[in-house]
Amino acid sequence: RNTRLAVFPAEGGEVRDLTLAVDRSAMSLHWAHDGTLWCGLEDHGDLGLYTVSLDGEATLIVGGTRIIDQFDAGVGGRLAFVAATPERPGELWVRDGDGTQRRLTDLHGALLAERAVITPEAIEYVAPDGLPVQGWVLYPRDFDPQGRAPLAVFIHGGPHTMWGPSFRSLWPDWQAAVGQGYVVFFCNPRGSEGYGQAFQEALHDGWGEADYQDILAGIDAVVARGGIDIERICVTGGSYGGFMTAWLLGHDTRFRAAAAQRGVYHLMSFYGTSDAYELIENEFDGIPWQEVDKLWRHSPLAYADRIETPLLILHADLDYRVPISDAEQLFAILRRRGKTVELVRYPREGHEMTRSGEPRHRVDHLTRILGWFARYAPPEP
């Protein structure tokens, strides 16, 4: 559900929900010295800064195509904030009281001067049931709309989170893939934040079944634009994105290579080993031993006998959010069936490895994924 901003008297009394009408999740609350309430609100792939009145009126102050994940407010409307954009990872900015914005740091300037950065292009398409879904596409610099380029599909975790073109922890992955010659596609399927409470709740009690059609419809929309080789489509995702990667392989045969990262593959064993076991109770309205059939039906492992796509499984040894036992089960089944599968274990790492792990592990992780894709769906020379 949306994270809401509320106020109530310190001595007790009525709680007033200030962002219920906005229908977006509030992030990073700050109550400024002048009494102004500031917060970030996620919306359609972007995260801007808003003031929220005690009457519940939200006013966008710092917006645009970017994600602002840290900020502090001074007096007179002055702000300091960290913002990432599609063209540049996070930098420190200041907004003066007159609305003027200045970037104070150039942390990535030297690197970006040596790199070609591709700006994602936003697209909107319609799922089979008519629901509008937002996604983004990155095209290589030499992309030929009449040609046949490979496609790399990235899927976010959560499942209740939001990606956008400025999402900093996946920015290197998308840019590296498009730099190798892949068209890159990612989207916010139902269940994602940033589109309202009903959009999030549409995934409730329906993992896999409710949202995978949104992703397939997005792939179809990108293919319909032209220039894609349908025989060279790859897919990857982490956490719930790993769940969805394995789920797609058990329900669709279009993929030529896949990389499942730190994924949930067996909901029953996940409940018994994860430090976030409540997710199962909340998402599926029950205790696992009372919902055995349902949880097995929604587990990618139940469809592993259908997987034919070459699969790379990547997992961290010390992942307590999604313990590695899930990866071991999926690997064992595919191995015993004689399918093309590899399991890579990362020592000393947890669930956040790709965001805050040892640098050499992060580089190895991305290099292995792109190498796996190139083995089975190579880009043009």
Protein backbone atom coordinates (compact mmCIF):
# COMPACT_ATOMS: atom_id res chain seq x y z
CA ARG A 1 0.00 0.00 0.00
CA ASN A 2 1.04 3.60 -0.39
CA THR A 3 3.23 5.05 2.33
CA ARG A 4 1.22 8.04 3.55
CA LEU A 5 2.14 11.29 5.25
CA ALA A 6 0.04 12.06 8.34
CA VAL A 7 0.05 14.49 11.28
CA PHE A 8 -1.50 14.42 14.73
CA PRO A 9 -1.22 16.56 17.89
CA ALA A 10 1.69 15.68 20.19
CA GLU A 11 -0.69 15.48 23.11
CA GLY A 12 -2.86 13.02 21.23
CA GLY A 13 -5.92 13.40 19.07
CA GLU A 14 -7.11 12.98 15.52
CA VAL A 15 -4.70 11.63 12.90
CA ARG A 16 -4.97 13.45 9.60
CA ASP A 17 -3.81 11.71 6.42
CA LEU A 18 -2.31 14.41 4.19
CA THR A 19 -1.48 12.39 1.07
CA LEU A 20 -4.49 10.10 0.75
CA ALA A 21 -5.95 12.25 -2.04
CA VAL A 22 -2.60 12.38 -3.86
CA ASP A 23 -2.59 8.55 -4.14
CA ARG A 24 1.20 8.28 -4.19
CA SER A 25 3.79 6.98 -1.72
CA ALA A 26 5.52 9.64 0.38
CA MET A 27 9.28 9.42 0.89
CA SER A 28 11.86 11.23 3.05
CA LEU A 29 9.73 13.52 5.21
CA HIS A 30 11.26 16.82 6.37
CA TRP A 31 9.53 19.43 8.53
CA ALA A 32 11.35 22.71 7.83
CA HIS A 33 12.06 25.46 10.35
CA ASP A 34 9.39 27.68 8.82
CA GLY A 35 6.73 25.01 9.34
CA THR A 36 6.71 23.77 5.73
CA LEU A 37 6.22 20.03 5.26
CA TRP A 38 8.41 18.59 2.53
CA CYS A 39 8.45 15.06 1.11
CA GLY A 40 9.22 13.16 -2.04
CA LEU A 41 6.42 11.56 -4.04
CA GLU A 42 6.93 8.79 -6.60
CA ASP A 43 5.08 9.33 -9.85
CA HIS A 44 5.41 7.61 -13.25
CA GLY A 45 9.08 6.75 -12.90
CA ASP A 46 10.18 10.02 -11.31
CA LEU A 47 10.57 11.15 -7.70
CA GLY A 48 10.18 14.88 -7.11
CA LEU A 49 10.01 17.13 -4.05
CA TYR A 50 6.68 18.50 -2.88
CA THR A 51 5.36 20.74 -0.17
CA VAL A 52 2.27 19.37 1.55
CA SER A 53 -0.12 21.68 3.37
CA LEU A 54 -1.94 20.67 6.54
CA ASP A 55 -5.05 20.63 4.36
CA GLY A 56 -3.55 17.87 2.24
CA GLU A 57 -2.64 19.92 -0.84
CA ALA A 58 0.59 18.72 -2.47
CA THR A 59 2.56 21.18 -4.63
CA LEU A 60 5.46 20.08 -6.83
CA ILE A 61 8.52 22.26 -6.14
CA VAL A 62 11.39 20.33 -7.71
CA GLY A 63 10.37 17.95 -10.48
CA GLY A 64 11.48 16.86 -13.91
CA THR A 65 12.77 13.56 -15.21
CA ARG A 66 14.89 12.59 -12.23
CA ILE A 67 14.89 10.75 -8.93
CA ILE A 68 15.65 12.77 -5.79
CA ASP A 69 16.55 10.35 -3.02
CA GLN A 70 18.09 12.65 -0.40
CA PHE A 71 17.27 16.23 0.52
CA ASP A 72 17.31 18.81 3.29
CA ALA A 73 15.28 22.00 3.59
CA GLY A 74 16.44 25.33 4.92
CA VAL A 75 14.55 28.59 5.33
CA GLY A 76 12.82 30.58 2.64
CA GLY A 77 12.31 27.64 0.30
CA ARG A 78 16.02 26.80 -0.02
CA LEU A 79 16.81 23.12 -0.59
CA ALA A 80 19.82 20.88 -0.95
CA PHE A 81 19.19 17.58 -2.68
CA VAL A 82 20.82 14.63 -4.42
CA ALA A 83 19.31 13.97 -7.85
CA ALA A 84 19.97 11.40 -10.54
CA THR A 85 18.89 11.94 -14.16
CA PRO A 86 18.77 9.65 -17.21
CA GLU A 87 22.06 11.17 -18.38
CA ARG A 88 23.97 11.29 -15.07
CA PRO A 89 24.02 9.38 -11.75
CA GLY A 90 23.50 11.23 -8.48
CA GLU A 91 24.91 14.72 -7.97
CA LEU A 92 24.40 17.36 -5.28
CA TRP A 93 22.11 20.25 -6.17
CA VAL A 94 20.82 23.37 -4.44
CA ARG A 95 17.58 25.22 -5.05
CA ASP A 96 17.48 28.85 -3.97
CA GLY A 97 14.39 30.56 -2.62
CA ASP A 98 13.69 32.16 -6.01
CA GLY A 99 13.48 28.75 -7.66
CA THR A 100 16.93 28.79 -9.26
CA GLN A 101 18.58 25.36 -9.30
CA ARG A 102 22.33 24.75 -9.47
CA ARG A 103 24.32 21.53 -9.65
CA LEU A 104 27.17 21.81 -7.12
CA THR A 105 29.16 18.65 -7.88
CA ASP A 106 30.63 17.00 -10.95
CA LEU A 107 31.38 13.57 -9.52
CA HIS A 108 30.91 11.74 -12.82
CA GLY A 109 32.10 14.31 -15.36
CA ALA A 110 35.45 12.70 -16.19
CA LEU A 111 33.89 9.27 -16.70
CA LEU A 112 30.95 10.54 -18.75
CA ALA A 113 33.29 12.47 -21.03
CA GLU A 114 34.69 9.11 -22.15
CA ARG A 115 31.36 7.34 -22.54
CA ALA A 116 28.35 7.44 -24.83
CA VAL A 117 25.27 7.80 -22.63
CA ILE A 118 21.94 6.76 -24.11
CA THR A 119 18.79 8.52 -22.89
CA PRO A 120 15.83 6.15 -22.34
CA GLU A 121 12.72 6.81 -24.38
CA ALA A 122 9.40 6.53 -22.52
CA ILE A 123 6.64 4.44 -24.08
CA GLU A 124 3.11 3.61 -23.00
CA TYR A 125 1.33 0.49 -24.14
CA VAL A 126 -1.75 -1.50 -23.21
CA ALA A 127 -1.84 -4.88 -21.45
CA PRO A 128 -4.17 -7.60 -22.79
CA ASP A 129 -6.89 -6.58 -20.31
CA GLY A 130 -6.68 -2.92 -21.38
CA LEU A 131 -4.58 -1.61 -18.48
CA PRO A 132 -2.08 1.10 -19.55
CA VAL A 133 1.52 0.32 -18.62
CA GLN A 134 4.59 2.56 -18.78
CA GLY A 135 7.99 1.42 -19.97
CA TRP A 136 11.27 2.72 -21.39
CA VAL A 137 13.50 1.74 -24.30
CA LEU A 138 17.18 2.45 -24.89
CA TYR A 139 18.45 2.12 -28.45
CA PRO A 140 22.14 1.74 -29.38
CA ARG A 141 23.71 4.70 -31.16
CA ASP A 142 23.89 2.82 -34.48
CA PHE A 143 20.42 1.29 -34.19
CA ASP A 144 18.74 0.57 -37.52
CA PRO A 145 14.91 0.48 -37.36
CA GLN A 146 15.03 -1.76 -40.43
CA GLY A 147 17.65 -4.04 -38.94
CA ARG A 148 17.60 -6.93 -36.45
CA ALA A 149 19.09 -5.98 -33.08
CA PRO A 150 18.93 -8.20 -29.97
CA LEU A 151 16.68 -7.15 -27.09
CA ALA A 152 17.60 -7.27 -23.38
CA VAL A 153 14.65 -7.08 -20.96
CA PHE A 154 15.25 -5.96 -17.36
CA ILE A 155 12.66 -6.60 -14.61
CA HIS A 156 12.54 -4.84 -11.24
CA GLY A 157 12.21 -6.40 -7.81
CA GLY A 158 10.00 -5.50 -4.91
CA PRO A 159 7.55 -6.34 -6.32
CA HIS A 160 6.17 -3.04 -5.01
CA THR A 161 8.82 -0.61 -6.16
CA MET A 162 9.25 1.73 -9.12
CA TRP A 163 11.84 2.03 -11.82
CA GLY A 164 12.38 5.07 -13.97
CA PRO A 165 15.00 6.32 -16.41
CA SER A 166 16.97 7.93 -13.53
CA PHE A 167 17.03 4.86 -11.28
CA ARG A 168 20.67 4.99 -10.23
CA SER A 169 21.46 1.43 -9.15
CA LEU A 170 20.43 0.01 -12.57
CA TRP A 171 21.80 2.92 -14.60
CA PRO A 172 25.18 1.22 -15.21
CA ASP A 173 23.51 -2.05 -16.19
CA TRP A 174 21.24 -0.45 -18.78
CA GLN A 175 24.05 1.69 -20.21
CA ALA A 176 26.45 -1.27 -20.36
CA ALA A 177 23.90 -3.44 -22.16
CA VAL A 178 22.96 -0.80 -24.72
CA GLY A 179 26.67 -0.06 -25.17
CA GLN A 180 27.19 -3.70 -26.12
CA GLY A 181 24.59 -3.36 -28.87
CA TYR A 182 21.39 -4.53 -27.16
CA VAL A 183 18.14 -2.65 -27.28
CA VAL A 184 17.15 -2.38 -23.60
CA PHE A 185 13.58 -2.47 -22.32
CA PHE A 186 12.21 -2.13 -18.80
CA CYS A 187 8.78 -1.27 -17.43
CA ASN A 188 6.64 -0.86 -14.32
CA PRO A 189 4.10 -3.72 -14.46
CA ARG A 190 1.07 -3.79 -12.19
CA GLY A 191 2.13 -3.98 -8.58
CA SER A 192 4.64 -1.15 -9.07
CA GLU A 193 4.60 2.03 -7.03
CA GLY A 194 4.14 5.42 -8.65
CA TYR A 195 0.77 4.80 -10.29
CA GLY A 196 -1.65 4.76 -7.37
CA GLN A 197 -2.98 2.35 -4.79
CA ALA A 198 -5.20 0.38 -7.16
CA PHE A 199 -2.27 -0.28 -9.52
CA GLN A 200 -0.23 -1.72 -6.64
CA GLU A 201 -3.08 -3.82 -5.29
CA ALA A 202 -3.69 -5.34 -8.73
CA LEU A 203 -0.85 -7.77 -7.96
CA HIS A 204 -2.28 -8.87 -4.61
CA ASP A 205 -2.72 -12.64 -4.38
CA GLY A 206 -1.58 -12.88 -8.00
CA TRP A 207 2.21 -13.06 -8.28
CA GLY A 208 3.18 -14.18 -11.75
CA GLU A 209 -0.34 -14.47 -13.09
CA ALA A 210 -1.32 -10.80 -12.76
CA ASP A 211 1.80 -9.06 -14.00
CA TYR A 212 3.73 -11.21 -16.45
CA GLN A 213 1.33 -10.33 -19.28
CA ASP A 214 2.25 -6.66 -18.72
CA ILE A 215 5.89 -7.48 -19.41
CA LEU A 216 5.16 -9.64 -22.45
CA ALA A 217 2.89 -6.91 -23.86
CA GLY A 218 5.76 -4.45 -23.45
CA ILE A 219 8.11 -6.74 -25.34
CA ASP A 220 5.52 -7.03 -28.10
CA ALA A 221 5.20 -3.23 -28.21
CA VAL A 222 8.96 -2.78 -28.59
CA VAL A 223 9.12 -5.46 -31.30
CA ALA A 224 6.27 -3.76 -33.16
CA ARG A 225 8.35 -0.58 -33.36
CA GLY A 226 10.78 -2.44 -35.62
CA GLY A 227 14.45 -3.31 -35.67
CA ILE A 228 14.29 -6.21 -33.17
CA ASP A 229 15.41 -9.77 -33.87
CA ILE A 230 12.75 -11.90 -32.17
CA GLU A 231 15.21 -14.82 -32.15
CA ARG A 232 17.58 -12.88 -29.84
CA ILE A 233 15.51 -11.76 -26.84
CA CYS A 234 17.12 -12.01 -23.39
CA VAL A 235 15.70 -11.36 -19.92
CA THR A 236 17.08 -10.69 -16.45
CA GLY A 237 15.90 -9.39 -13.09
CA GLY A 238 16.76 -9.43 -9.40
CA SER A 239 14.81 -10.49 -6.30
CA TYR A 240 11.17 -10.40 -7.44
CA GLY A 241 12.69 -9.72 -10.87
CA GLY A 242 14.49 -13.05 -10.49
CA PHE A 243 11.15 -14.65 -9.61
CA MET A 244 9.62 -13.15 -12.75
CA THR A 245 12.56 -14.18 -14.93
CA ALA A 246 12.11 -17.82 -13.94
CA TRP A 247 8.33 -17.51 -14.19
CA LEU A 248 8.55 -16.19 -17.75
CA LEU A 249 10.79 -19.07 -18.79
CA GLY A 250 8.21 -21.53 -17.49
CA HIS A 251 5.37 -19.83 -19.35
CA ASP A 252 6.88 -18.49 -22.60
CA THR A 253 9.43 -19.81 -25.09
CA ARG A 254 10.53 -16.60 -26.82
CA PHE A 255 13.68 -16.03 -24.73
CA ARG A 256 17.08 -17.19 -25.96
CA ALA A 257 19.00 -16.47 -22.77
CA ALA A 258 18.11 -15.51 -19.20
CA ALA A 259 19.86 -14.49 -15.98
CA ALA A 260 17.93 -14.84 -12.72
CA GLN A 261 19.44 -12.81 -9.89
CA ARG A 262 18.82 -13.48 -6.15
CA GLY A 263 15.33 -14.70 -6.99
CA VAL A 264 12.44 -16.20 -5.07
CA TYR A 265 11.55 -19.51 -6.72
CA HIS A 266 9.68 -21.53 -4.06
CA LEU A 267 7.25 -19.54 -1.91
CA MET A 268 6.91 -22.23 0.76
CA SER A 269 10.64 -22.56 1.41
CA PHE A 270 11.03 -18.78 1.13
CA TYR A 271 8.58 -18.38 4.01
CA GLY A 272 10.61 -20.73 6.18
CA THR A 273 14.04 -19.21 5.49
CA SER A 274 13.64 -15.48 4.68
CA ASP A 275 13.90 -12.53 7.07
CA ALA A 276 10.89 -11.06 5.22
CA TYR A 277 8.53 -14.00 5.63
CA GLU A 278 5.61 -11.65 6.39
CA LEU A 279 5.57 -10.79 2.70
CA ILE A 280 3.92 -14.14 1.99
CA GLU A 281 1.25 -13.65 4.67
CA ASN A 282 0.44 -10.13 3.47
CA GLU A 283 0.52 -10.83 -0.26
CA PHE A 284 -1.43 -14.09 -0.22
CA ASP A 285 -3.82 -13.55 2.71
CA GLY A 286 -2.91 -16.64 4.66
CA ILE A 287 -0.42 -18.82 6.49
CA PRO A 288 1.54 -21.07 4.11
CA TRP A 289 0.48 -24.41 5.57
CA GLN A 290 -3.11 -23.33 4.95
CA GLU A 291 -2.35 -22.22 1.38
CA VAL A 292 -0.01 -24.95 0.12
CA ASP A 293 -1.70 -25.42 -3.25
CA LYS A 294 -1.94 -21.69 -3.89
CA LEU A 295 1.70 -20.96 -3.01
CA TRP A 296 2.95 -23.85 -5.14
CA ARG A 297 0.84 -22.62 -8.06
CA HIS A 298 2.48 -19.19 -7.75
CA SER A 299 6.04 -20.56 -7.42
CA PRO A 300 8.31 -20.55 -10.50
CA LEU A 301 9.73 -23.86 -9.32
CA ALA A 302 6.38 -25.50 -10.12
CA TYR A 303 7.04 -24.82 -13.82
CA ALA A 304 10.75 -25.66 -13.94
CA ASP A 305 9.93 -28.78 -15.96
CA ARG A 306 8.95 -26.45 -18.82
CA ILE A 307 12.13 -24.34 -18.87
CA GLU A 308 14.22 -24.80 -22.00
CA THR A 309 16.00 -21.42 -22.17
CA PRO A 310 19.70 -21.37 -21.13
CA LEU A 311 19.61 -19.94 -17.61
CA LEU A 312 22.32 -18.26 -15.54
CA ILE A 313 21.46 -18.18 -11.81
CA LEU A 314 23.34 -15.66 -9.66
CA HIS A 315 23.03 -15.54 -5.87
CA ALA A 316 24.87 -14.32 -2.77
CA ASP A 317 25.88 -16.78 -0.06
CA LEU A 318 24.74 -14.54 2.80
CA ASP A 319 21.42 -13.42 1.34
CA TYR A 320 18.96 -13.49 4.25
CA ARG A 321 16.17 -11.77 2.33
CA VAL A 322 16.09 -14.51 -0.33
CA PRO A 323 18.28 -17.35 0.95
CA ILE A 324 20.39 -19.19 -1.60
CA SER A 325 18.45 -22.41 -1.02
CA ASP A 326 15.89 -21.17 -3.54
CA ALA A 327 18.60 -20.83 -6.20
CA GLU A 328 20.00 -24.26 -5.35
CA GLN A 329 16.60 -25.90 -5.84
CA LEU A 330 16.05 -24.31 -9.25
CA PHE A 331 19.59 -25.17 -10.34
CA ALA A 332 19.27 -28.80 -9.18
CA ILE A 333 16.02 -29.40 -11.06
CA LEU A 334 17.31 -27.94 -14.33
CA ARG A 335 20.63 -29.74 -13.97
CA ARG A 336 18.90 -33.09 -13.40
CA ARG A 337 16.77 -32.46 -16.46
CA GLY A 338 19.92 -31.97 -18.51
CA LYS A 339 19.19 -28.33 -19.34
CA THR A 340 21.70 -25.54 -19.90
CA VAL A 341 22.10 -23.89 -16.49
CA GLU A 342 24.88 -22.38 -14.39
CA LEU A 343 24.84 -21.28 -10.74
CA VAL A 344 27.26 -18.59 -9.57
CA ARG A 345 27.65 -18.01 -5.81
CA TYR A 346 29.14 -14.81 -4.38
CA PRO A 347 30.88 -15.18 -1.00
CA ARG A 348 30.54 -12.62 1.81
CA GLU A 349 27.61 -10.91 0.05
CA GLY A 350 23.96 -10.35 0.91
CA HIS A 351 20.81 -9.31 -0.93
CA GLU A 352 22.17 -5.81 -1.66
CA MET A 353 25.31 -7.02 -3.44
CA THR A 354 24.60 -5.32 -6.76
CA ARG A 355 24.01 -2.01 -4.97
CA SER A 356 26.53 -2.05 -2.13
CA GLY A 357 28.66 -5.17 -2.49
CA GLU A 358 32.37 -5.53 -3.10
CA PRO A 359 33.20 -3.66 -6.32
CA ARG A 360 34.86 -6.67 -7.98
CA HIS A 361 31.76 -8.75 -7.29
CA ARG A 362 29.51 -6.09 -8.79
CA VAL A 363 31.66 -5.90 -11.91
CA ASP A 364 31.81 -9.69 -12.19
CA HIS A 365 28.02 -9.96 -11.76
CA LEU A 366 27.22 -7.59 -14.62
CA THR A 367 30.00 -8.96 -16.84
CA ARG A 368 28.70 -12.52 -16.42
CA ILE A 369 25.15 -11.49 -17.36
CA LEU A 370 26.25 -9.69 -20.52
CA GLY A 371 28.60 -12.54 -21.36
CA TRP A 372 25.77 -15.07 -20.98
CA PHE A 373 23.55 -13.01 -23.26
CA ALA A 374 26.33 -12.70 -25.82
CA ARG A 375 26.86 -16.46 -25.80
CA TYR A 376 23.30 -17.26 -26.84
CA ALA A 377 22.01 -14.02 -28.35
CA PRO A 378 25.09 -12.11 -29.51
CA PRO A 379 24.87 -8.49 -30.65
CA GLU A 380 26.14 -7.50 -34.05
CA PRO A 381 29.95 -7.24 -34.32
